[in-house]
Every structure is written in structure tokens, then in C-alpha cells.
Amino acid sequence: MHEFAIAQDIASSLEKSLGNEFKKITTINIGIGTFSGIVSESLTLGLETIFKINNINESIKINIKERECIAKCECGNMYKIKNIFDICPKCSSPVREIPEGMDIFVDSVEISEEN
């Protein structure tokens, strides 16, 4: 389950960048690409476990939004793909780059203003 390792990396990065504010996190908004290979339920469980173990806000809200996969064909056309075998709708070429949809990122974090 590589999602737990990813959850650890997310928590560690947030702690480094937020310092003392890390313990005040109330919501984490995460984007996951359709072809990232990450199971959102497993990532959520991993993050909840890490926050619980470290006595951070146990009622933290974790929002995960799936991001569509976008391909860029060798002809320059950008298009959405739902299947790894999809071809360019403009020129029918299977040759492409996938600049979006294979990644994971933290969109935003909400922090409580209470001490």
C-alpha cells in the first residue's frame, strides 16, 4: 500500500512548510490524477491514521478530487483521455505526452484560527 507512504510524505511536507500551524490544520484539499495509480480511500485512511497517531486534529477533513487526464498529441492537440489506449481525436495518432492526470498535489490547506 504505497498510499500510506504518500500520506507520510504529504504530512511531512505540510509540517515542514507550516511549522506550528501544522497542528491547526482543519481541512486538506488534494488533487489526484486519474492515471496516478493512487486509491483515494487508502490515501485518506493513511492521512487520518498519521494525524491520529501524532495527536493532531482527529476531526480533520480530507477532500480528494480526481483530476482528468490530459494528453498532448504530437500534432499539438490537447485532449482528455479516459483509457490509456485512447488516440488523438484530431489526427488519430497514439503518440503523445501526458502533462496532467498522473500526478498528486495538495491544492490547499485550511487552518483553524483558534489557539
PDB file of N, CA and C in Angstrom:
ATOM      1  N   MET A   1       0.847  -1.179   0.000  1.00  0.00           N
ATOM      2  CA  MET A   1       0.000   0.000   0.000  1.00  0.00           C
ATOM      3  C   MET A   1       0.891   1.241   0.000  1.00  0.00           C
ATOM      4  N   HIS A   2       1.230   1.720  -1.190  1.00  0.00           N
ATOM      5  CA  HIS A   2       2.095   2.895  -1.297  1.00  0.00           C
ATOM      6  C   HIS A   2       1.387   4.178  -0.893  1.00  0.00           C
ATOM      7  N   GLU A   3       0.073   4.140  -0.746  1.00  0.00           N
ATOM      8  CA  GLU A   3      -0.670   5.336  -0.345  1.00  0.00           C
ATOM      9  C   GLU A   3      -0.265   5.812   1.045  1.00  0.00           C
ATOM     10  N   PHE A   4       0.080   4.871   1.944  1.00  0.00           N
ATOM     11  CA  PHE A   4       0.495   5.278   3.293  1.00  0.00           C
ATOM     12  C   PHE A   4       1.816   6.044   3.230  1.00  0.00           C
ATOM     13  N   ALA A   5       2.724   5.592   2.385  1.00  0.00           N
ATOM     14  CA  ALA A   5       3.995   6.311   2.217  1.00  0.00           C
ATOM     15  C   ALA A   5       3.758   7.701   1.634  1.00  0.00           C
ATOM     16  N   ILE A   6       2.824   7.799   0.708  1.00  0.00           N
ATOM     17  CA  ILE A   6       2.477   9.102   0.125  1.00  0.00           C
ATOM     18  C   ILE A   6       1.849   9.993   1.198  1.00  0.00           C
ATOM     19  N   ALA A   7       0.978   9.411   2.029  1.00  0.00           N
ATOM     20  CA  ALA A   7       0.365  10.170   3.129  1.00  0.00           C
ATOM     21  C   ALA A   7       1.437  10.686   4.082  1.00  0.00           C
ATOM     22  N   GLN A   8       2.435   9.863   4.379  1.00  0.00           N
ATOM     23  CA  GLN A   8       3.535  10.295   5.248  1.00  0.00           C
ATOM     24  C   GLN A   8       4.296  11.461   4.619  1.00  0.00           C
ATOM     25  N   ASP A   9       4.546  11.383   3.305  1.00  0.00           N
ATOM     26  CA  ASP A   9       5.242  12.467   2.605  1.00  0.00           C
ATOM     27  C   ASP A   9       4.431  13.764   2.637  1.00  0.00           C
ATOM     28  N   ILE A  10       3.123  13.645   2.433  1.00  0.00           N
ATOM     29  CA  ILE A  10       2.258  14.827   2.474  1.00  0.00           C
ATOM     30  C   ILE A  10       2.294  15.458   3.863  1.00  0.00           C
ATOM     31  N   ALA A  11       2.114  14.640   4.890  1.00  0.00           N
ATOM     32  CA  ALA A  11       2.123  15.158   6.269  1.00  0.00           C
ATOM     33  C   ALA A  11       3.468  15.793   6.608  1.00  0.00           C
ATOM     34  N   SER A  12       4.549  15.143   6.215  1.00  0.00           N
ATOM     35  CA  SER A  12       5.888  15.676   6.490  1.00  0.00           C
ATOM     36  C   SER A  12       6.120  17.007   5.780  1.00  0.00           C
ATOM     37  N   SER A  13       5.701  17.092   4.523  1.00  0.00           N
ATOM     38  CA  SER A  13       5.855  18.341   3.768  1.00  0.00           C
ATOM     39  C   SER A  13       5.037  19.470   4.383  1.00  0.00           C
ATOM     40  N   LEU A  14       3.801  19.136   4.791  1.00  0.00           N
ATOM     41  CA  LEU A  14       2.954  20.153   5.414  1.00  0.00           C
ATOM     42  C   LEU A  14       3.547  20.619   6.740  1.00  0.00           C
ATOM     43  N   GLU A  15       4.075  19.685   7.509  1.00  0.00           N
ATOM     44  CA  GLU A  15       4.666  20.056   8.800  1.00  0.00           C
ATOM     45  C   GLU A  15       5.881  20.966   8.603  1.00  0.00           C
ATOM     46  N   LYS A  16       6.705  20.653   7.619  1.00  0.00           N
ATOM     47  CA  LYS A  16       7.884  21.480   7.339  1.00  0.00           C
ATOM     48  C   LYS A  16       7.496  22.878   6.869  1.00  0.00           C
ATOM     49  N   SER A  17       6.489  22.958   6.007  1.00  0.00           N
ATOM     50  CA  SER A  17       6.131  24.263   5.461  1.00  0.00           C
ATOM     51  C   SER A  17       5.257  25.098   6.397  1.00  0.00           C
ATOM     52  N   LEU A  18       4.478  24.434   7.270  1.00  0.00           N
ATOM     53  CA  LEU A  18       3.573  25.175   8.147  1.00  0.00           C
ATOM     54  C   LEU A  18       4.108  25.403   9.555  1.00  0.00           C
ATOM     55  N   GLY A  19       5.100  24.663   9.965  1.00  0.00           N
ATOM     56  CA  GLY A  19       5.654  24.821  11.316  1.00  0.00           C
ATOM     57  C   GLY A  19       4.606  24.587  12.382  1.00  0.00           C
ATOM     58  N   ASN A  20       4.457  25.529  13.318  1.00  0.00           N
ATOM     59  CA  ASN A  20       3.496  25.399  14.422  1.00  0.00           C
ATOM     60  C   ASN A  20       2.045  25.382  13.946  1.00  0.00           C
ATOM     61  N   GLU A  21       1.784  25.953  12.785  1.00  0.00           N
ATOM     62  CA  GLU A  21       0.425  25.979  12.231  1.00  0.00           C
ATOM     63  C   GLU A  21      -0.038  24.573  11.818  1.00  0.00           C
ATOM     64  N   PHE A  22       0.907  23.645  11.660  1.00  0.00           N
ATOM     65  CA  PHE A  22       0.592  22.280  11.236  1.00  0.00           C
ATOM     66  C   PHE A  22      -0.455  21.637  12.148  1.00  0.00           C
ATOM     67  N   LYS A  23      -0.342  21.883  13.431  1.00  0.00           N
ATOM     68  CA  LYS A  23      -1.266  21.267  14.397  1.00  0.00           C
ATOM     69  C   LYS A  23      -2.648  21.903  14.359  1.00  0.00           C
ATOM     70  N   LYS A  24      -2.798  22.985  13.578  1.00  0.00           N
ATOM     71  CA  LYS A  24      -4.092  23.670  13.486  1.00  0.00           C
ATOM     72  C   LYS A  24      -4.841  23.350  12.189  1.00  0.00           C
ATOM     73  N   ILE A  25      -4.326  22.399  11.411  1.00  0.00           N
ATOM     74  CA  ILE A  25      -4.979  22.072  10.144  1.00  0.00           C
ATOM     75  C   ILE A  25      -6.375  21.521  10.415  1.00  0.00           C
ATOM     76  N   THR A  26      -7.357  22.041   9.688  1.00  0.00           N
ATOM     77  CA  THR A  26      -8.733  21.535   9.793  1.00  0.00           C
ATOM     78  C   THR A  26      -9.171  20.822   8.517  1.00  0.00           C
ATOM     79  N   THR A  27      -8.612  21.239   7.374  1.00  0.00           N
ATOM     80  CA  THR A  27      -9.001  20.654   6.093  1.00  0.00           C
ATOM     81  C   THR A  27      -7.791  20.591   5.163  1.00  0.00           C
ATOM     82  N   ILE A  28      -7.690  19.471   4.442  1.00  0.00           N
ATOM     83  CA  ILE A  28      -6.677  19.324   3.395  1.00  0.00           C
ATOM     84  C   ILE A  28      -7.417  18.994   2.106  1.00  0.00           C
ATOM     85  N   ASN A  29      -7.139  19.765   1.058  1.00  0.00           N
ATOM     86  CA  ASN A  29      -7.739  19.531  -0.257  1.00  0.00           C
ATOM     87  C   ASN A  29      -6.653  19.022  -1.197  1.00  0.00           C
ATOM     88  N   ILE A  30      -6.874  17.814  -1.721  1.00  0.00           N
ATOM     89  CA  ILE A  30      -5.858  17.137  -2.528  1.00  0.00           C
ATOM     90  C   ILE A  30      -6.425  16.824  -3.908  1.00  0.00           C
ATOM     91  N   GLY A  31      -5.602  16.976  -4.932  1.00  0.00           N
ATOM     92  CA  GLY A  31      -5.957  16.587  -6.293  1.00  0.00           C
ATOM     93  C   GLY A  31      -5.177  15.348  -6.682  1.00  0.00           C
ATOM     94  N   ILE A  32      -5.873  14.376  -7.256  1.00  0.00           N
ATOM     95  CA  ILE A  32      -5.240  13.132  -7.687  1.00  0.00           C
ATOM     96  C   ILE A  32      -5.585  12.902  -9.154  1.00  0.00           C
ATOM     97  N   GLY A  33      -4.573  12.690  -9.965  1.00  0.00           N
ATOM     98  CA  GLY A  33      -4.797  12.418 -11.376  1.00  0.00           C
ATOM     99  C   GLY A  33      -5.431  11.051 -11.590  1.00  0.00           C
ATOM    100  N   THR A  34      -6.287  10.965 -12.588  1.00  0.00           N
ATOM    101  CA  THR A  34      -6.987   9.722 -12.911  1.00  0.00           C
ATOM    102  C   THR A  34      -6.030   8.551 -13.111  1.00  0.00           C
ATOM    103  N   PHE A  35      -4.872   8.807 -13.719  1.00  0.00           N
ATOM    104  CA  PHE A  35      -3.910   7.750 -14.004  1.00  0.00           C
ATOM    105  C   PHE A  35      -2.744   7.740 -13.013  1.00  0.00           C
ATOM    106  N   SER A  36      -2.934   8.300 -11.827  1.00  0.00           N
ATOM    107  CA  SER A  36      -1.855   8.344 -10.832  1.00  0.00           C
ATOM    108  C   SER A  36      -1.613   6.990 -10.170  1.00  0.00           C
ATOM    109  N   GLY A  37      -2.612   6.121 -10.202  1.00  0.00           N
ATOM    110  CA  GLY A  37      -2.477   4.816  -9.554  1.00  0.00           C
ATOM    111  C   GLY A  37      -2.721   4.866  -8.060  1.00  0.00           C
ATOM    112  N   ILE A  38      -3.237   5.981  -7.566  1.00  0.00           N
ATOM    113  CA  ILE A  38      -3.475   6.156  -6.142  1.00  0.00           C
ATOM    114  C   ILE A  38      -4.944   5.908  -5.830  1.00  0.00           C
ATOM    115  N   VAL A  39      -5.190   5.101  -4.807  1.00  0.00           N
ATOM    116  CA  VAL A  39      -6.553   4.827  -4.361  1.00  0.00           C
ATOM    117  C   VAL A  39      -6.890   5.864  -3.295  1.00  0.00           C
ATOM    118  N   SER A  40      -7.863   6.727  -3.594  1.00  0.00           N
ATOM    119  CA  SER A  40      -8.163   7.861  -2.715  1.00  0.00           C
ATOM    120  C   SER A  40      -8.586   7.418  -1.316  1.00  0.00           C
ATOM    121  N   GLU A  41      -9.337   6.333  -1.198  1.00  0.00           N
ATOM    122  CA  GLU A  41      -9.769   5.852   0.122  1.00  0.00           C
ATOM    123  C   GLU A  41      -8.573   5.425   0.972  1.00  0.00           C
ATOM    124  N   SER A  42      -7.583   4.801   0.336  1.00  0.00           N
ATOM    125  CA  SER A  42      -6.382   4.380   1.064  1.00  0.00           C
ATOM    126  C   SER A  42      -5.545   5.580   1.494  1.00  0.00           C
ATOM    127  N   LEU A  43      -5.465   6.590   0.636  1.00  0.00           N
ATOM    128  CA  LEU A  43      -4.732   7.806   0.983  1.00  0.00           C
ATOM    129  C   LEU A  43      -5.408   8.518   2.148  1.00  0.00           C
ATOM    130  N   THR A  44      -6.742   8.602   2.100  1.00  0.00           N
ATOM    131  CA  THR A  44      -7.498   9.222   3.195  1.00  0.00           C
ATOM    132  C   THR A  44      -7.243   8.493   4.502  1.00  0.00           C
ATOM    133  N   LEU A  45      -7.320   7.162   4.476  1.00  0.00           N
ATOM    134  CA  LEU A  45      -7.076   6.361   5.673  1.00  0.00           C
ATOM    135  C   LEU A  45      -5.662   6.587   6.200  1.00  0.00           C
ATOM    136  N   GLY A  46      -4.696   6.650   5.302  1.00  0.00           N
ATOM    137  CA  GLY A  46      -3.317   6.897   5.710  1.00  0.00           C
ATOM    138  C   GLY A  46      -3.148   8.244   6.385  1.00  0.00           C
ATOM    139  N   LEU A  47      -3.726   9.279   5.806  1.00  0.00           N
ATOM    140  CA  LEU A  47      -3.630  10.617   6.403  1.00  0.00           C
ATOM    141  C   LEU A  47      -4.336  10.677   7.756  1.00  0.00           C
ATOM    142  N   GLU A  48      -5.533  10.101   7.832  1.00  0.00           N
ATOM    143  CA  GLU A  48      -6.256  10.087   9.116  1.00  0.00           C
ATOM    144  C   GLU A  48      -5.459   9.362  10.190  1.00  0.00           C
ATOM    145  N   THR A  49      -4.832   8.266   9.819  1.00  0.00           N
ATOM    146  CA  THR A  49      -4.021   7.491  10.774  1.00  0.00           C
ATOM    147  C   THR A  49      -2.824   8.299  11.253  1.00  0.00           C
ATOM    148  N   ILE A  50      -2.143   8.944  10.340  1.00  0.00           N
ATOM    149  CA  ILE A  50      -0.966   9.751  10.702  1.00  0.00           C
ATOM    150  C   ILE A  50      -1.359  10.887  11.637  1.00  0.00           C
ATOM    151  N   PHE A  51      -2.443  11.565  11.333  1.00  0.00           N
ATOM    152  CA  PHE A  51      -2.881  12.674  12.188  1.00  0.00           C
ATOM    153  C   PHE A  51      -3.323  12.166  13.559  1.00  0.00           C
ATOM    154  N   LYS A  52      -3.952  11.009  13.606  1.00  0.00           N
ATOM    155  CA  LYS A  52      -4.399  10.447  14.887  1.00  0.00           C
ATOM    156  C   LYS A  52      -3.195  10.017  15.737  1.00  0.00           C
ATOM    157  N   ILE A  53      -2.248   9.329  15.131  1.00  0.00           N
ATOM    158  CA  ILE A  53      -1.053   8.869  15.849  1.00  0.00           C
ATOM    159  C   ILE A  53      -0.283  10.042  16.434  1.00  0.00           C
ATOM    160  N   ASN A  54      -0.217  11.147  15.699  1.00  0.00           N
ATOM    161  CA  ASN A  54       0.555  12.316  16.128  1.00  0.00           C
ATOM    162  C   ASN A  54      -0.270  13.310  16.942  1.00  0.00           C
ATOM    163  N   ASN A  55      -1.470  12.875  17.371  1.00  0.00           N
ATOM    164  CA  ASN A  55      -2.349  13.715  18.193  1.00  0.00           C
ATOM    165  C   ASN A  55      -2.632  15.074  17.560  1.00  0.00           C
ATOM    166  N   ILE A  56      -2.770  15.071  16.258  1.00  0.00           N
ATOM    167  CA  ILE A  56      -3.173  16.268  15.540  1.00  0.00           C
ATOM    168  C   ILE A  56      -4.698  16.203  15.449  1.00  0.00           C
ATOM    169  N   ASN A  57      -5.315  17.248  15.020  1.00  0.00           N
ATOM    170  CA  ASN A  57      -6.762  17.326  14.907  1.00  0.00           C
ATOM    171  C   ASN A  57      -7.358  16.036  14.322  1.00  0.00           C
ATOM    172  N   GLU A  58      -8.018  15.241  15.164  1.00  0.00           N
ATOM    173  CA  GLU A  58      -8.586  13.969  14.721  1.00  0.00           C
ATOM    174  C   GLU A  58      -9.832  14.161  13.863  1.00  0.00           C
ATOM    175  N   SER A  59     -10.403  15.331  13.887  1.00  0.00           N
ATOM    176  CA  SER A  59     -11.594  15.581  13.076  1.00  0.00           C
ATOM    177  C   SER A  59     -11.229  16.300  11.771  1.00  0.00           C
ATOM    178  N   ILE A  60      -9.981  16.156  11.369  1.00  0.00           N
ATOM    179  CA  ILE A  60      -9.524  16.803  10.144  1.00  0.00           C
ATOM    180  C   ILE A  60     -10.349  16.316   8.957  1.00  0.00           C
ATOM    181  N   LYS A  61     -10.655  17.215   8.054  1.00  0.00           N
ATOM    182  CA  LYS A  61     -11.441  16.882   6.873  1.00  0.00           C
ATOM    183  C   LYS A  61     -10.476  16.762   5.691  1.00  0.00           C
ATOM    184  N   ILE A  62     -10.546  15.634   5.015  1.00  0.00           N
ATOM    185  CA  ILE A  62      -9.671  15.391   3.875  1.00  0.00           C
ATOM    186  C   ILE A  62     -10.547  15.289   2.622  1.00  0.00           C
ATOM    187  N   ASN A  63     -10.381  16.249   1.728  1.00  0.00           N
ATOM    188  CA  ASN A  63     -11.143  16.279   0.478  1.00  0.00           C
ATOM    189  C   ASN A  63     -10.216  15.880  -0.661  1.00  0.00           C
ATOM    190  N   ILE A  64     -10.605  14.847  -1.380  1.00  0.00           N
ATOM    191  CA  ILE A  64      -9.801  14.406  -2.516  1.00  0.00           C
ATOM    192  C   ILE A  64     -10.645  14.538  -3.782  1.00  0.00           C
ATOM    193  N   LYS A  65     -10.085  15.244  -4.750  1.00  0.00           N
ATOM    194  CA  LYS A  65     -10.779  15.446  -6.024  1.00  0.00           C
ATOM    195  C   LYS A  65      -9.957  14.808  -7.139  1.00  0.00           C
ATOM    196  N   GLU A  66     -10.624  13.974  -7.906  1.00  0.00           N
ATOM    197  CA  GLU A  66      -9.949  13.337  -9.030  1.00  0.00           C
ATOM    198  C   GLU A  66      -9.817  14.320 -10.181  1.00  0.00           C
ATOM    199  N   ARG A  67      -8.638  14.361 -10.780  1.00  0.00           N
ATOM    200  CA  ARG A  67      -8.357  15.258 -11.902  1.00  0.00           C
ATOM    201  C   ARG A  67      -8.306  14.448 -13.194  1.00  0.00           C
ATOM    202  N   GLU A  68      -8.917  14.969 -14.233  1.00  0.00           N
ATOM    203  CA  GLU A  68      -8.925  14.288 -15.519  1.00  0.00           C
ATOM    204  C   GLU A  68      -7.518  14.190 -16.098  1.00  0.00           C
ATOM    205  N   CYS A  69      -7.343  13.196 -16.927  1.00  0.00           N
ATOM    206  CA  CYS A  69      -6.067  13.002 -17.602  1.00  0.00           C
ATOM    207  C   CYS A  69      -6.108  13.756 -18.935  1.00  0.00           C
ATOM    208  N   ILE A  70      -5.103  14.573 -19.161  1.00  0.00           N
ATOM    209  CA  ILE A  70      -4.997  15.368 -20.384  1.00  0.00           C
ATOM    210  C   ILE A  70      -3.769  14.906 -21.158  1.00  0.00           C
ATOM    211  N   ALA A  71      -3.963  14.680 -22.441  1.00  0.00           N
ATOM    212  CA  ALA A  71      -2.855  14.279 -23.302  1.00  0.00           C
ATOM    213  C   ALA A  71      -2.541  15.386 -24.304  1.00  0.00           C
ATOM    214  N   LYS A  72      -1.283  15.440 -24.697  1.00  0.00           N
ATOM    215  CA  LYS A  72      -0.871  16.384 -25.745  1.00  0.00           C
ATOM    216  C   LYS A  72      -0.269  15.547 -26.875  1.00  0.00           C
ATOM    217  N   CYS A  73      -0.957  15.572 -28.000  1.00  0.00           N
ATOM    218  CA  CYS A  73      -0.546  14.793 -29.161  1.00  0.00           C
ATOM    219  C   CYS A  73       0.674  15.422 -29.836  1.00  0.00           C
ATOM    220  N   GLU A  74       1.363  14.613 -30.630  1.00  0.00           N
ATOM    221  CA  GLU A  74       2.497  15.126 -31.395  1.00  0.00           C
ATOM    222  C   GLU A  74       2.061  16.198 -32.395  1.00  0.00           C
ATOM    223  N   CYS A  75       0.754  16.226 -32.766  1.00  0.00           N
ATOM    224  CA  CYS A  75       0.235  17.260 -33.675  1.00  0.00           C
ATOM    225  C   CYS A  75      -0.072  18.562 -32.923  1.00  0.00           C
ATOM    226  N   GLY A  76       0.053  18.533 -31.579  1.00  0.00           N
ATOM    227  CA  GLY A  76      -0.185  19.719 -30.761  1.00  0.00           C
ATOM    228  C   GLY A  76      -1.562  19.764 -30.125  1.00  0.00           C
ATOM    229  N   ASN A  77      -2.448  18.875 -30.507  1.00  0.00           N
ATOM    230  CA  ASN A  77      -3.807  18.826 -29.957  1.00  0.00           C
ATOM    231  C   ASN A  77      -3.786  18.356 -28.501  1.00  0.00           C
ATOM    232  N   MET A  78      -4.526  19.075 -27.665  1.00  0.00           N
ATOM    233  CA  MET A  78      -4.699  18.672 -26.260  1.00  0.00           C
ATOM    234  C   MET A  78      -6.080  18.057 -26.141  1.00  0.00           C
ATOM    235  N   TYR A  79      -6.167  16.885 -25.473  1.00  0.00           N
ATOM    236  CA  TYR A  79      -7.446  16.203 -25.338  1.00  0.00           C
ATOM    237  C   TYR A  79      -7.479  15.358 -24.067  1.00  0.00           C
ATOM    238  N   LYS A  80      -8.706  15.109 -23.583  1.00  0.00           N
ATOM    239  CA  LYS A  80      -8.907  14.292 -22.390  1.00  0.00           C
ATOM    240  C   LYS A  80      -8.865  12.826 -22.783  1.00  0.00           C
ATOM    241  N   ILE A  81      -8.240  12.018 -21.919  1.00  0.00           N
ATOM    242  CA  ILE A  81      -8.253  10.583 -22.173  1.00  0.00           C
ATOM    243  C   ILE A  81      -8.853   9.863 -20.970  1.00  0.00           C
ATOM    244  N   LYS A  82      -9.610   8.856 -21.258  1.00  0.00           N
ATOM    245  CA  LYS A  82     -10.230   8.049 -20.220  1.00  0.00           C
ATOM    246  C   LYS A  82      -9.603   6.661 -20.170  1.00  0.00           C
ATOM    247  N   ASN A  83      -8.918   6.300 -21.246  1.00  0.00           N
ATOM    248  CA  ASN A  83      -8.309   4.989 -21.366  1.00  0.00           C
ATOM    249  C   ASN A  83      -6.897   5.189 -21.906  1.00  0.00           C
ATOM    250  N   ILE A  84      -5.961   4.442 -21.410  1.00  0.00           N
ATOM    251  CA  ILE A  84      -4.569   4.602 -21.815  1.00  0.00           C
ATOM    252  C   ILE A  84      -4.377   4.357 -23.316  1.00  0.00           C
ATOM    253  N   PHE A  85      -5.321   3.662 -23.936  1.00  0.00           N
ATOM    254  CA  PHE A  85      -5.218   3.367 -25.365  1.00  0.00           C
ATOM    255  C   PHE A  85      -5.925   4.387 -26.253  1.00  0.00           C
ATOM    256  N   ASP A  86      -6.517   5.433 -25.662  1.00  0.00           N
ATOM    257  CA  ASP A  86      -7.179   6.464 -26.464  1.00  0.00           C
ATOM    258  C   ASP A  86      -6.178   7.117 -27.419  1.00  0.00           C
ATOM    259  N   ILE A  87      -6.650   7.420 -28.611  1.00  0.00           N
ATOM    260  CA  ILE A  87      -5.806   8.081 -29.608  1.00  0.00           C
ATOM    261  C   ILE A  87      -6.298   9.511 -29.810  1.00  0.00           C
ATOM    262  N   CYS A  88      -5.507  10.299 -30.462  1.00  0.00           N
ATOM    263  CA  CYS A  88      -5.860  11.699 -30.712  1.00  0.00           C
ATOM    264  C   CYS A  88      -7.108  11.770 -31.588  1.00  0.00           C
ATOM    265  N   PRO A  89      -8.116  12.504 -31.135  1.00  0.00           N
ATOM    266  CA  PRO A  89      -9.335  12.626 -31.933  1.00  0.00           C
ATOM    267  C   PRO A  89      -9.148  13.491 -33.189  1.00  0.00           C
ATOM    268  N   LYS A  90      -8.058  14.239 -33.232  1.00  0.00           N
ATOM    269  CA  LYS A  90      -7.820  15.126 -34.384  1.00  0.00           C
ATOM    270  C   LYS A  90      -7.058  14.406 -35.511  1.00  0.00           C
ATOM    271  N   CYS A  91      -5.996  13.659 -35.138  1.00  0.00           N
ATOM    272  CA  CYS A  91      -5.151  13.055 -36.178  1.00  0.00           C
ATOM    273  C   CYS A  91      -5.035  11.529 -36.058  1.00  0.00           C
ATOM    274  N   SER A  92      -5.638  10.957 -34.998  1.00  0.00           N
ATOM    275  CA  SER A  92      -5.637   9.503 -34.758  1.00  0.00           C
ATOM    276  C   SER A  92      -4.268   8.937 -34.375  1.00  0.00           C
ATOM    277  N   SER A  93      -3.349   9.779 -33.995  1.00  0.00           N
ATOM    278  CA  SER A  93      -2.025   9.307 -33.583  1.00  0.00           C
ATOM    279  C   SER A  93      -2.065   8.801 -32.136  1.00  0.00           C
ATOM    280  N   PRO A  94      -1.359   7.717 -31.851  1.00  0.00           N
ATOM    281  CA  PRO A  94      -1.251   7.239 -30.470  1.00  0.00           C
ATOM    282  C   PRO A  94      -0.065   7.879 -29.722  1.00  0.00           C
ATOM    283  N   VAL A  95       0.756   8.658 -30.431  1.00  0.00           N
ATOM    284  CA  VAL A  95       1.951   9.265 -29.846  1.00  0.00           C
ATOM    285  C   VAL A  95       1.558  10.540 -29.113  1.00  0.00           C
ATOM    286  N   ARG A  96       1.922  10.617 -27.823  1.00  0.00           N
ATOM    287  CA  ARG A  96       1.522  11.769 -27.018  1.00  0.00           C
ATOM    288  C   ARG A  96       2.348  11.870 -25.747  1.00  0.00           C
ATOM    289  N   GLU A  97       2.231  13.018 -25.108  1.00  0.00           N
ATOM    290  CA  GLU A  97       2.733  13.250 -23.750  1.00  0.00           C
ATOM    291  C   GLU A  97       1.503  13.334 -22.859  1.00  0.00           C
ATOM    292  N   ILE A  98       1.686  13.055 -21.573  1.00  0.00           N
ATOM    293  CA  ILE A  98       0.578  13.196 -20.630  1.00  0.00           C
ATOM    294  C   ILE A  98       1.019  14.190 -19.552  1.00  0.00           C
ATOM    295  N   PRO A  99       0.765  15.498 -19.795  1.00  0.00           N
ATOM    296  CA  PRO A  99       1.202  16.525 -18.846  1.00  0.00           C
ATOM    297  C   PRO A  99       0.330  16.639 -17.600  1.00  0.00           C
ATOM    298  N   GLU A 100      -0.907  16.124 -17.644  1.00  0.00           N
ATOM    299  CA  GLU A 100      -1.804  16.197 -16.488  1.00  0.00           C
ATOM    300  C   GLU A 100      -2.538  14.873 -16.313  1.00  0.00           C
ATOM    301  N   GLY A 101      -2.712  14.464 -15.063  1.00  0.00           N
ATOM    302  CA  GLY A 101      -3.518  13.287 -14.782  1.00  0.00           C
ATOM    303  C   GLY A 101      -2.757  12.113 -14.214  1.00  0.00           C
ATOM    304  N   MET A 102      -1.437  12.265 -14.057  1.00  0.00           N
ATOM    305  CA  MET A 102      -0.638  11.203 -13.475  1.00  0.00           C
ATOM    306  C   MET A 102       0.011  11.673 -12.169  1.00  0.00           C
ATOM    307  N   ASP A 103      -0.473  12.787 -11.653  1.00  0.00           N
ATOM    308  CA  ASP A 103       0.160  13.430 -10.519  1.00  0.00           C
ATOM    309  C   ASP A 103      -0.743  13.461  -9.291  1.00  0.00           C
ATOM    310  N   ILE A 104      -0.172  13.935  -8.205  1.00  0.00           N
ATOM    311  CA  ILE A 104      -0.908  14.178  -6.963  1.00  0.00           C
ATOM    312  C   ILE A 104      -0.355  15.469  -6.384  1.00  0.00           C
ATOM    313  N   PHE A 105      -1.253  16.283  -5.825  1.00  0.00           N
ATOM    314  CA  PHE A 105      -0.783  17.532  -5.226  1.00  0.00           C
ATOM    315  C   PHE A 105      -1.775  18.025  -4.188  1.00  0.00           C
ATOM    316  N   VAL A 106      -1.262  18.801  -3.251  1.00  0.00           N
ATOM    317  CA  VAL A 106      -2.112  19.437  -2.254  1.00  0.00           C
ATOM    318  C   VAL A 106      -2.573  20.761  -2.851  1.00  0.00           C
ATOM    319  N   ASP A 107      -3.887  20.866  -3.062  1.00  0.00           N
ATOM    320  CA  ASP A 107      -4.457  22.094  -3.615  1.00  0.00           C
ATOM    321  C   ASP A 107      -4.415  23.219  -2.592  1.00  0.00           C
ATOM    322  N   SER A 108      -4.899  22.903  -1.369  1.00  0.00           N
ATOM    323  CA  SER A 108      -4.957  23.917  -0.318  1.00  0.00           C
ATOM    324  C   SER A 108      -5.104  23.258   1.050  1.00  0.00           C
ATOM    325  N   VAL A 109      -4.844  24.060   2.055  1.00  0.00           N
ATOM    326  CA  VAL A 109      -4.959  23.620   3.438  1.00  0.00           C
ATOM    327  C   VAL A 109      -5.678  24.715   4.209  1.00  0.00           C
ATOM    328  N   GLU A 110      -6.640  24.310   5.033  1.00  0.00           N
ATOM    329  CA  GLU A 110      -7.322  25.284   5.889  1.00  0.00           C
ATOM    330  C   GLU A 110      -6.826  25.085   7.313  1.00  0.00           C
ATOM    331  N   ILE A 111      -6.618  26.210   7.986  1.00  0.00           N
ATOM    332  CA  ILE A 111      -6.059  26.200   9.353  1.00  0.00           C
ATOM    333  C   ILE A 111      -7.000  26.938  10.283  1.00  0.00           C
ATOM    334  N   SER A 112      -7.191  26.370  11.448  1.00  0.00           N
ATOM    335  CA  SER A 112      -8.041  26.993  12.465  1.00  0.00           C
ATOM    336  C   SER A 112      -7.364  28.240  13.011  1.00  0.00           C
ATOM    337  N   GLU A 113      -8.137  29.267  13.265  1.00  0.00           N
ATOM    338  CA  GLU A 113      -7.574  30.490  13.835  1.00  0.00           C
ATOM    339  C   GLU A 113      -7.532  30.433  15.354  1.00  0.00           C
ATOM    340  N   GLU A 114      -8.150  29.398  15.941  1.00  0.00           N
ATOM    341  CA  GLU A 114      -8.148  29.252  17.401  1.00  0.00           C
ATOM    342  C   GLU A 114      -6.784  28.773  17.874  1.00  0.00           C
ATOM    343  N   ASN A 115      -6.444  29.139  19.090  1.00  0.00           N
ATOM    344  CA  ASN A 115      -5.159  28.703  19.666  1.00  0.00           C
ATOM    345  C   ASN A 115      -5.258  27.377  20.277  1.00  0.00           C
TER     346      ASN A 115
END
